[in-house]
Amino acid sequence: MGERLTHLDDQGRAAMVDVTDKPDTDREAVAECLVRMRPETLAMIVSGSHAKGDVLAVARIAGIQAAKRTAELIPLCHPLLLTSVKVELAALDATSLRIVCRCRVQGPTGVEMEALTGASVAALTIYDMCKAVDRGMEITGLRLLEKRGGKSGEFRHEAAASAGGEG
């Protein structure tokens, strides 16, 4: 294993990666997670009949806002000027809601953490808004599906590759 962790200095201490000399390139990352719940909870969300309002719209905005503020939450992340954040929410079946967060930037470092943060906070927002009716909800499967750009090139999660696209 010749690779080393990039967030550790030569003495093994946590350190922010120096990206000063890295060129700006187009970078994109896509992450997903699932929220599993009772069928009646998902039906209420999809129909828009929740007493607190449009759960999907609030979760979408929360995911976008979280992606934009990732550097405030994850100590060694660089603050990025994101050029695009898209959060998509869709029912997979009667009990599962899929969240996909896509982030883009032109910069010296990747946007994987922003995509993962956006997807996870959108899921947490759904839990927060619906916990009064379904405390048994589960947030699962948070993962990076794809990333493009930068020196390390492209990455596609095998689940995304086998499905012929995202997840």
N, C-alpha and C. Protein backbone atom coordinates (compact mmCIF):
# COMPACT_ATOMS: atom_id res chain seq x y z
N MET A 1 0.85 -1.18 0.00
CA MET A 1 0.00 0.00 0.00
C MET A 1 0.88 1.23 0.00
N GLY A 2 1.18 1.77 -1.18
CA GLY A 2 2.06 2.92 -1.31
C GLY A 2 1.37 4.25 -1.11
N GLU A 3 0.05 4.27 -1.09
CA GLU A 3 -0.67 5.52 -0.92
C GLU A 3 -0.70 5.90 0.54
N ARG A 4 -0.73 7.23 0.78
CA ARG A 4 -0.84 7.68 2.16
C ARG A 4 -2.07 8.57 2.28
N LEU A 5 -2.53 8.72 3.49
CA LEU A 5 -3.69 9.58 3.73
C LEU A 5 -3.28 11.03 3.52
N THR A 6 -4.04 11.74 2.71
CA THR A 6 -3.66 13.10 2.33
C THR A 6 -3.91 14.12 3.42
N HIS A 7 -4.71 13.81 4.41
CA HIS A 7 -5.01 14.77 5.47
C HIS A 7 -4.12 14.59 6.70
N LEU A 8 -2.98 13.91 6.52
CA LEU A 8 -2.00 13.78 7.58
C LEU A 8 -0.68 14.33 7.09
N ASP A 9 0.01 15.10 7.96
CA ASP A 9 1.32 15.61 7.58
C ASP A 9 2.38 14.53 7.81
N ASP A 10 3.65 14.88 7.61
CA ASP A 10 4.73 13.90 7.73
C ASP A 10 4.88 13.34 9.15
N GLN A 11 4.37 14.05 10.13
CA GLN A 11 4.42 13.58 11.52
C GLN A 11 3.13 12.86 11.92
N GLY A 12 2.21 12.67 10.98
CA GLY A 12 0.96 11.97 11.27
C GLY A 12 -0.12 12.84 11.90
N ARG A 13 0.07 14.16 11.88
CA ARG A 13 -0.92 15.07 12.44
C ARG A 13 -1.93 15.49 11.37
N ALA A 14 -3.16 15.73 11.80
CA ALA A 14 -4.20 16.20 10.88
C ALA A 14 -3.78 17.52 10.27
N ALA A 15 -3.97 17.66 8.96
CA ALA A 15 -3.59 18.87 8.25
C ALA A 15 -4.48 19.05 7.03
N MET A 16 -4.76 20.29 6.70
CA MET A 16 -5.52 20.60 5.49
C MET A 16 -4.57 20.44 4.29
N VAL A 17 -5.03 19.80 3.25
CA VAL A 17 -4.22 19.60 2.06
C VAL A 17 -3.95 20.96 1.40
N ASP A 18 -2.71 21.20 1.00
CA ASP A 18 -2.35 22.45 0.33
C ASP A 18 -2.67 22.30 -1.16
N VAL A 19 -3.64 23.06 -1.63
CA VAL A 19 -4.04 23.00 -3.05
C VAL A 19 -3.59 24.24 -3.81
N THR A 20 -2.68 25.02 -3.22
CA THR A 20 -2.24 26.27 -3.81
C THR A 20 -1.79 26.10 -5.26
N ASP A 21 -1.00 25.10 -5.54
CA ASP A 21 -0.42 24.94 -6.87
C ASP A 21 -1.22 24.03 -7.79
N LYS A 22 -2.38 23.58 -7.36
CA LYS A 22 -3.19 22.71 -8.21
C LYS A 22 -4.01 23.56 -9.16
N PRO A 23 -4.12 23.15 -10.41
CA PRO A 23 -4.91 23.94 -11.37
C PRO A 23 -6.41 23.79 -11.14
N ASP A 24 -7.15 24.83 -11.47
CA ASP A 24 -8.61 24.74 -11.45
C ASP A 24 -9.05 23.86 -12.61
N THR A 25 -9.89 22.88 -12.32
CA THR A 25 -10.48 22.04 -13.36
C THR A 25 -11.96 21.86 -13.05
N ASP A 26 -12.72 21.46 -14.05
CA ASP A 26 -14.13 21.15 -13.84
C ASP A 26 -14.21 19.86 -13.04
N ARG A 27 -14.98 19.89 -11.98
CA ARG A 27 -15.12 18.73 -11.10
C ARG A 27 -16.59 18.53 -10.77
N GLU A 28 -16.97 17.28 -10.67
CA GLU A 28 -18.36 16.94 -10.36
C GLU A 28 -18.38 15.69 -9.50
N ALA A 29 -19.33 15.65 -8.56
CA ALA A 29 -19.51 14.46 -7.74
C ALA A 29 -21.00 14.22 -7.53
N VAL A 30 -21.37 12.94 -7.45
CA VAL A 30 -22.76 12.54 -7.24
C VAL A 30 -22.78 11.56 -6.08
N ALA A 31 -23.65 11.84 -5.10
CA ALA A 31 -23.79 10.96 -3.94
C ALA A 31 -25.27 10.62 -3.76
N GLU A 32 -25.53 9.53 -3.07
CA GLU A 32 -26.91 9.14 -2.80
C GLU A 32 -27.06 8.60 -1.40
N CYS A 33 -28.29 8.59 -0.93
CA CYS A 33 -28.66 7.84 0.26
C CYS A 33 -30.15 7.53 0.19
N LEU A 34 -30.59 6.64 1.04
CA LEU A 34 -31.99 6.22 1.08
C LEU A 34 -32.57 6.50 2.45
N VAL A 35 -33.85 6.82 2.47
CA VAL A 35 -34.59 6.91 3.72
C VAL A 35 -35.70 5.87 3.61
N ARG A 36 -35.67 4.92 4.53
CA ARG A 36 -36.69 3.87 4.56
C ARG A 36 -37.69 4.21 5.66
N MET A 37 -38.97 3.98 5.36
CA MET A 37 -40.04 4.37 6.29
C MET A 37 -41.27 3.52 6.05
N ARG A 38 -42.28 3.74 6.88
CA ARG A 38 -43.54 3.04 6.69
C ARG A 38 -44.21 3.54 5.41
N PRO A 39 -44.96 2.69 4.73
CA PRO A 39 -45.63 3.11 3.49
C PRO A 39 -46.52 4.34 3.66
N GLU A 40 -47.23 4.42 4.78
CA GLU A 40 -48.12 5.57 4.98
C GLU A 40 -47.34 6.87 5.15
N THR A 41 -46.13 6.78 5.69
CA THR A 41 -45.29 7.98 5.83
C THR A 41 -44.84 8.47 4.46
N LEU A 42 -44.36 7.55 3.63
CA LEU A 42 -43.92 7.93 2.29
C LEU A 42 -45.10 8.45 1.46
N ALA A 43 -46.26 7.84 1.59
CA ALA A 43 -47.44 8.31 0.86
C ALA A 43 -47.79 9.74 1.26
N MET A 44 -47.68 10.05 2.54
CA MET A 44 -47.96 11.39 3.04
C MET A 44 -46.95 12.40 2.46
N ILE A 45 -45.68 12.00 2.42
CA ILE A 45 -44.64 12.88 1.87
C ILE A 45 -44.89 13.15 0.39
N VAL A 46 -45.11 12.09 -0.37
CA VAL A 46 -45.28 12.21 -1.82
C VAL A 46 -46.54 12.99 -2.17
N SER A 47 -47.60 12.80 -1.40
CA SER A 47 -48.86 13.50 -1.69
C SER A 47 -48.83 14.96 -1.25
N GLY A 48 -47.86 15.32 -0.42
CA GLY A 48 -47.78 16.69 0.07
C GLY A 48 -48.76 16.99 1.18
N SER A 49 -49.26 15.96 1.84
CA SER A 49 -50.29 16.17 2.86
C SER A 49 -49.74 16.30 4.28
N HIS A 50 -48.43 16.39 4.44
CA HIS A 50 -47.84 16.54 5.77
C HIS A 50 -48.21 17.90 6.35
N ALA A 51 -48.58 17.91 7.61
CA ALA A 51 -49.01 19.15 8.28
C ALA A 51 -47.91 20.21 8.30
N LYS A 52 -46.64 19.79 8.26
CA LYS A 52 -45.53 20.76 8.28
C LYS A 52 -45.23 21.36 6.92
N GLY A 53 -45.89 20.89 5.87
CA GLY A 53 -45.67 21.44 4.54
C GLY A 53 -45.00 20.47 3.59
N ASP A 54 -44.41 21.00 2.55
CA ASP A 54 -43.80 20.22 1.48
C ASP A 54 -42.45 19.67 1.93
N VAL A 55 -42.46 18.43 2.40
CA VAL A 55 -41.26 17.79 2.95
C VAL A 55 -40.16 17.72 1.89
N LEU A 56 -40.50 17.37 0.67
CA LEU A 56 -39.49 17.22 -0.38
C LEU A 56 -38.83 18.56 -0.72
N ALA A 57 -39.61 19.62 -0.77
CA ALA A 57 -39.04 20.94 -1.07
C ALA A 57 -38.10 21.40 0.05
N VAL A 58 -38.51 21.19 1.29
CA VAL A 58 -37.66 21.60 2.42
C VAL A 58 -36.37 20.77 2.43
N ALA A 59 -36.47 19.47 2.19
CA ALA A 59 -35.29 18.61 2.16
C ALA A 59 -34.35 19.00 1.02
N ARG A 60 -34.90 19.35 -0.13
CA ARG A 60 -34.09 19.79 -1.27
C ARG A 60 -33.28 21.04 -0.90
N ILE A 61 -33.95 22.03 -0.33
CA ILE A 61 -33.27 23.26 0.07
C ILE A 61 -32.22 22.98 1.15
N ALA A 62 -32.55 22.12 2.11
CA ALA A 62 -31.59 21.77 3.16
C ALA A 62 -30.35 21.11 2.58
N GLY A 63 -30.54 20.22 1.61
CA GLY A 63 -29.40 19.55 0.98
C GLY A 63 -28.51 20.53 0.22
N ILE A 64 -29.13 21.46 -0.49
CA ILE A 64 -28.36 22.47 -1.22
C ILE A 64 -27.58 23.34 -0.23
N GLN A 65 -28.26 23.80 0.80
CA GLN A 65 -27.60 24.65 1.81
C GLN A 65 -26.45 23.91 2.49
N ALA A 66 -26.66 22.64 2.82
CA ALA A 66 -25.61 21.85 3.48
C ALA A 66 -24.39 21.69 2.58
N ALA A 67 -24.61 21.40 1.30
CA ALA A 67 -23.49 21.25 0.37
C ALA A 67 -22.66 22.54 0.34
N LYS A 68 -23.34 23.67 0.33
CA LYS A 68 -22.65 24.97 0.29
C LYS A 68 -21.86 25.25 1.57
N ARG A 69 -22.23 24.61 2.67
CA ARG A 69 -21.59 24.90 3.96
C ARG A 69 -20.73 23.74 4.47
N THR A 70 -20.37 22.84 3.60
CA THR A 70 -19.62 21.66 4.00
C THR A 70 -18.33 22.00 4.75
N ALA A 71 -17.60 23.00 4.30
CA ALA A 71 -16.33 23.35 4.94
C ALA A 71 -16.53 23.81 6.39
N GLU A 72 -17.73 24.25 6.73
CA GLU A 72 -18.01 24.64 8.12
C GLU A 72 -18.28 23.42 9.01
N LEU A 73 -18.62 22.30 8.37
CA LEU A 73 -18.98 21.09 9.11
C LEU A 73 -17.86 20.06 9.18
N ILE A 74 -17.10 19.93 8.11
CA ILE A 74 -16.03 18.94 8.02
C ILE A 74 -14.71 19.70 8.17
N PRO A 75 -13.99 19.50 9.25
CA PRO A 75 -12.88 20.38 9.60
C PRO A 75 -11.80 20.60 8.54
N LEU A 76 -11.45 19.60 7.75
CA LEU A 76 -10.33 19.76 6.83
C LEU A 76 -10.75 19.99 5.38
N CYS A 77 -12.04 20.21 5.15
CA CYS A 77 -12.52 20.52 3.80
C CYS A 77 -12.21 21.97 3.44
N HIS A 78 -11.91 22.17 2.17
CA HIS A 78 -11.69 23.53 1.68
C HIS A 78 -13.04 24.18 1.38
N PRO A 79 -13.18 25.47 1.67
CA PRO A 79 -14.40 26.17 1.23
C PRO A 79 -14.37 26.27 -0.30
N LEU A 80 -15.46 25.89 -0.93
CA LEU A 80 -15.51 25.89 -2.39
C LEU A 80 -16.60 26.83 -2.89
N LEU A 81 -16.36 27.42 -4.02
CA LEU A 81 -17.37 28.24 -4.69
C LEU A 81 -18.11 27.31 -5.66
N LEU A 82 -19.12 26.62 -5.14
CA LEU A 82 -19.86 25.66 -5.96
C LEU A 82 -20.56 26.38 -7.11
N THR A 83 -20.52 25.78 -8.27
CA THR A 83 -21.20 26.36 -9.43
C THR A 83 -22.58 25.74 -9.64
N SER A 84 -22.82 24.57 -9.03
CA SER A 84 -24.12 23.93 -9.15
C SER A 84 -24.30 22.90 -8.04
N VAL A 85 -25.49 22.89 -7.47
CA VAL A 85 -25.89 21.84 -6.53
C VAL A 85 -27.32 21.46 -6.89
N LYS A 86 -27.53 20.19 -7.16
CA LYS A 86 -28.87 19.69 -7.47
C LYS A 86 -29.17 18.53 -6.54
N VAL A 87 -30.34 18.58 -5.92
CA VAL A 87 -30.78 17.52 -5.03
C VAL A 87 -32.09 16.97 -5.59
N GLU A 88 -32.10 15.68 -5.89
CA GLU A 88 -33.28 15.03 -6.43
C GLU A 88 -33.78 14.00 -5.42
N LEU A 89 -35.09 13.99 -5.21
CA LEU A 89 -35.71 13.06 -4.28
C LEU A 89 -36.81 12.32 -5.01
N ALA A 90 -36.83 11.00 -4.88
CA ALA A 90 -37.85 10.21 -5.57
C ALA A 90 -38.12 8.91 -4.82
N ALA A 91 -39.37 8.52 -4.79
CA ALA A 91 -39.74 7.24 -4.17
C ALA A 91 -39.23 6.11 -5.06
N LEU A 92 -38.58 5.14 -4.44
CA LEU A 92 -38.12 3.95 -5.17
C LEU A 92 -39.19 2.87 -5.17
N ASP A 93 -39.89 2.76 -4.06
CA ASP A 93 -40.96 1.79 -3.88
C ASP A 93 -41.85 2.34 -2.78
N ALA A 94 -42.67 1.52 -2.19
CA ALA A 94 -43.65 2.00 -1.20
C ALA A 94 -43.02 2.43 0.12
N THR A 95 -41.75 2.06 0.36
CA THR A 95 -41.14 2.36 1.65
C THR A 95 -39.78 3.06 1.56
N SER A 96 -39.31 3.37 0.36
CA SER A 96 -37.96 3.93 0.22
C SER A 96 -37.96 5.21 -0.61
N LEU A 97 -37.29 6.22 -0.06
CA LEU A 97 -37.10 7.48 -0.76
C LEU A 97 -35.61 7.60 -1.06
N ARG A 98 -35.28 7.83 -2.34
CA ARG A 98 -33.89 7.96 -2.76
C ARG A 98 -33.55 9.44 -2.90
N ILE A 99 -32.41 9.81 -2.36
CA ILE A 99 -31.91 11.17 -2.46
C ILE A 99 -30.60 11.13 -3.25
N VAL A 100 -30.50 11.95 -4.28
CA VAL A 100 -29.28 12.07 -5.07
C VAL A 100 -28.85 13.53 -5.05
N CYS A 101 -27.60 13.76 -4.68
CA CYS A 101 -27.05 15.12 -4.66
C CYS A 101 -25.89 15.19 -5.65
N ARG A 102 -25.96 16.14 -6.57
CA ARG A 102 -24.93 16.35 -7.60
C ARG A 102 -24.35 17.73 -7.40
N CYS A 103 -23.01 17.80 -7.24
CA CYS A 103 -22.33 19.08 -7.03
C CYS A 103 -21.27 19.28 -8.11
N ARG A 104 -21.13 20.54 -8.54
CA ARG A 104 -20.12 20.90 -9.53
C ARG A 104 -19.35 22.11 -9.06
N VAL A 105 -18.10 22.17 -9.50
CA VAL A 105 -17.23 23.30 -9.17
C VAL A 105 -16.14 23.39 -10.23
N GLN A 106 -15.61 24.56 -10.42
CA GLN A 106 -14.36 24.71 -11.17
C GLN A 106 -13.35 25.15 -10.12
N GLY A 107 -12.47 24.24 -9.77
CA GLY A 107 -11.55 24.55 -8.69
C GLY A 107 -10.42 23.56 -8.59
N PRO A 108 -9.58 23.74 -7.55
CA PRO A 108 -8.39 22.90 -7.39
C PRO A 108 -8.61 21.63 -6.58
N THR A 109 -9.83 21.42 -6.09
CA THR A 109 -10.10 20.23 -5.27
C THR A 109 -11.51 19.74 -5.52
N GLY A 110 -11.76 18.49 -5.21
CA GLY A 110 -13.01 17.84 -5.56
C GLY A 110 -14.19 18.21 -4.69
N VAL A 111 -15.36 17.74 -5.11
CA VAL A 111 -16.62 18.08 -4.44
C VAL A 111 -17.34 16.85 -3.88
N GLU A 112 -16.59 15.78 -3.62
CA GLU A 112 -17.21 14.58 -3.07
C GLU A 112 -17.86 14.83 -1.72
N MET A 113 -17.17 15.54 -0.85
CA MET A 113 -17.71 15.78 0.49
C MET A 113 -18.96 16.66 0.43
N GLU A 114 -19.00 17.58 -0.50
CA GLU A 114 -20.19 18.42 -0.64
C GLU A 114 -21.38 17.60 -1.09
N ALA A 115 -21.19 16.69 -2.02
CA ALA A 115 -22.29 15.83 -2.49
C ALA A 115 -22.77 14.91 -1.37
N LEU A 116 -21.84 14.32 -0.63
CA LEU A 116 -22.20 13.44 0.47
C LEU A 116 -22.92 14.20 1.59
N THR A 117 -22.45 15.40 1.88
CA THR A 117 -23.07 16.21 2.92
C THR A 117 -24.47 16.64 2.50
N GLY A 118 -24.63 17.04 1.25
CA GLY A 118 -25.95 17.44 0.77
C GLY A 118 -26.96 16.32 0.85
N ALA A 119 -26.56 15.12 0.42
CA ALA A 119 -27.48 13.97 0.47
C ALA A 119 -27.83 13.62 1.91
N SER A 120 -26.85 13.64 2.79
CA SER A 120 -27.12 13.23 4.18
C SER A 120 -27.99 14.25 4.91
N VAL A 121 -27.77 15.53 4.69
CA VAL A 121 -28.59 16.53 5.38
C VAL A 121 -30.01 16.56 4.82
N ALA A 122 -30.18 16.31 3.53
CA ALA A 122 -31.53 16.18 2.98
C ALA A 122 -32.26 15.03 3.67
N ALA A 123 -31.56 13.91 3.87
CA ALA A 123 -32.16 12.75 4.56
C ALA A 123 -32.49 13.09 6.01
N LEU A 124 -31.59 13.76 6.69
CA LEU A 124 -31.84 14.14 8.08
C LEU A 124 -33.03 15.10 8.19
N THR A 125 -33.20 15.95 7.20
CA THR A 125 -34.33 16.87 7.19
C THR A 125 -35.65 16.11 7.05
N ILE A 126 -35.66 15.10 6.21
CA ILE A 126 -36.86 14.27 6.07
C ILE A 126 -37.17 13.61 7.42
N TYR A 127 -36.13 13.07 8.05
CA TYR A 127 -36.35 12.46 9.37
C TYR A 127 -36.92 13.48 10.35
N ASP A 128 -36.32 14.65 10.39
CA ASP A 128 -36.76 15.68 11.33
C ASP A 128 -38.22 16.07 11.10
N MET A 129 -38.59 16.24 9.85
CA MET A 129 -39.95 16.67 9.55
C MET A 129 -40.99 15.58 9.80
N CYS A 130 -40.57 14.31 9.72
CA CYS A 130 -41.53 13.21 9.80
C CYS A 130 -41.41 12.36 11.06
N LYS A 131 -40.51 12.69 11.94
CA LYS A 131 -40.29 11.83 13.12
C LYS A 131 -41.51 11.73 14.01
N ALA A 132 -42.37 12.73 14.01
CA ALA A 132 -43.57 12.66 14.86
C ALA A 132 -44.52 11.56 14.41
N VAL A 133 -44.48 11.19 13.13
CA VAL A 133 -45.37 10.14 12.64
C VAL A 133 -44.66 8.81 12.40
N ASP A 134 -43.30 8.82 12.37
CA ASP A 134 -42.57 7.58 12.07
C ASP A 134 -41.14 7.66 12.62
N ARG A 135 -40.98 7.39 13.90
CA ARG A 135 -39.65 7.44 14.52
C ARG A 135 -38.76 6.27 14.07
N GLY A 136 -39.33 5.28 13.43
CA GLY A 136 -38.56 4.11 12.99
C GLY A 136 -37.90 4.28 11.64
N MET A 137 -37.96 5.46 11.04
CA MET A 137 -37.30 5.68 9.75
C MET A 137 -35.82 5.35 9.86
N GLU A 138 -35.24 4.87 8.76
CA GLU A 138 -33.81 4.55 8.71
C GLU A 138 -33.18 5.28 7.54
N ILE A 139 -32.03 5.87 7.79
CA ILE A 139 -31.23 6.49 6.74
C ILE A 139 -30.10 5.52 6.44
N THR A 140 -30.02 5.06 5.19
CA THR A 140 -29.04 4.03 4.83
C THR A 140 -28.38 4.36 3.50
N GLY A 141 -27.33 3.63 3.22
CA GLY A 141 -26.73 3.63 1.89
C GLY A 141 -26.07 4.92 1.45
N LEU A 142 -25.60 5.74 2.36
CA LEU A 142 -24.90 6.96 1.95
C LEU A 142 -23.61 6.55 1.26
N ARG A 143 -23.45 6.99 0.02
CA ARG A 143 -22.24 6.63 -0.74
C ARG A 143 -22.02 7.56 -1.90
N LEU A 144 -20.77 7.63 -2.32
CA LEU A 144 -20.39 8.35 -3.52
C LEU A 144 -20.68 7.46 -4.71
N LEU A 145 -21.46 7.96 -5.65
CA LEU A 145 -21.76 7.20 -6.86
C LEU A 145 -20.74 7.46 -7.97
N GLU A 146 -20.39 8.72 -8.15
CA GLU A 146 -19.46 9.09 -9.22
C GLU A 146 -18.70 10.34 -8.84
N LYS A 147 -17.54 10.48 -9.46
CA LYS A 147 -16.81 11.74 -9.40
C LYS A 147 -15.99 11.88 -10.67
N ARG A 148 -15.88 13.11 -11.14
CA ARG A 148 -15.12 13.41 -12.34
C ARG A 148 -14.24 14.63 -12.09
N GLY A 149 -13.11 14.66 -12.77
CA GLY A 149 -12.21 15.80 -12.71
C GLY A 149 -11.07 15.59 -11.74
N GLY A 150 -10.06 16.43 -11.91
CA GLY A 150 -8.90 16.36 -11.03
C GLY A 150 -7.91 15.30 -11.46
N LYS A 151 -6.80 15.26 -10.73
CA LYS A 151 -5.70 14.37 -11.06
C LYS A 151 -6.08 12.90 -10.96
N SER A 152 -6.96 12.56 -10.03
CA SER A 152 -7.30 11.14 -9.85
C SER A 152 -8.32 10.65 -10.88
N GLY A 153 -8.84 11.55 -11.70
CA GLY A 153 -9.72 11.13 -12.79
C GLY A 153 -11.11 10.77 -12.36
N GLU A 154 -11.67 9.76 -13.03
CA GLU A 154 -13.06 9.39 -12.81
C GLU A 154 -13.18 8.22 -11.83
N PHE A 155 -14.29 8.23 -11.11
CA PHE A 155 -14.66 7.12 -10.23
C PHE A 155 -16.14 6.86 -10.44
N ARG A 156 -16.50 5.60 -10.53
CA ARG A 156 -17.91 5.17 -10.57
C ARG A 156 -18.06 4.01 -9.62
N HIS A 157 -18.98 4.16 -8.68
CA HIS A 157 -19.28 3.06 -7.77
C HIS A 157 -19.78 1.88 -8.60
N GLU A 158 -19.38 0.67 -8.24
CA GLU A 158 -19.79 -0.49 -9.06
C GLU A 158 -21.29 -0.61 -9.18
N ALA A 159 -22.04 -0.17 -8.18
CA ALA A 159 -23.52 -0.21 -8.26
C ALA A 159 -24.01 0.74 -9.35
N ALA A 160 -23.37 1.90 -9.47
CA ALA A 160 -23.75 2.87 -10.51
C ALA A 160 -23.37 2.34 -11.88
N ALA A 161 -22.18 1.73 -11.97
CA ALA A 161 -21.72 1.21 -13.25
C ALA A 161 -22.58 0.06 -13.73
N SER A 162 -22.97 -0.84 -12.82
CA SER A 162 -23.76 -1.99 -13.22
C SER A 162 -25.19 -1.62 -13.61
N ALA A 163 -25.66 -0.49 -13.07
CA ALA A 163 -27.02 -0.04 -13.40
C ALA A 163 -27.04 0.80 -14.67
N GLY A 164 -25.83 1.07 -15.23
CA GLY A 164 -25.77 1.84 -16.46
C GLY A 164 -25.99 3.33 -16.22
N GLY A 165 -25.83 3.78 -15.02
CA GLY A 165 -26.00 5.20 -14.69
C GLY A 165 -25.93 5.36 -13.20
N GLU A 166 -26.59 6.36 -12.69
CA GLU A 166 -26.58 6.61 -11.26
C GLU A 166 -27.24 5.45 -10.53
N GLY A 167 -26.56 4.99 -9.45
CA GLY A 167 -27.04 4.02 -8.50
C GLY A 167 -27.87 2.95 -9.01
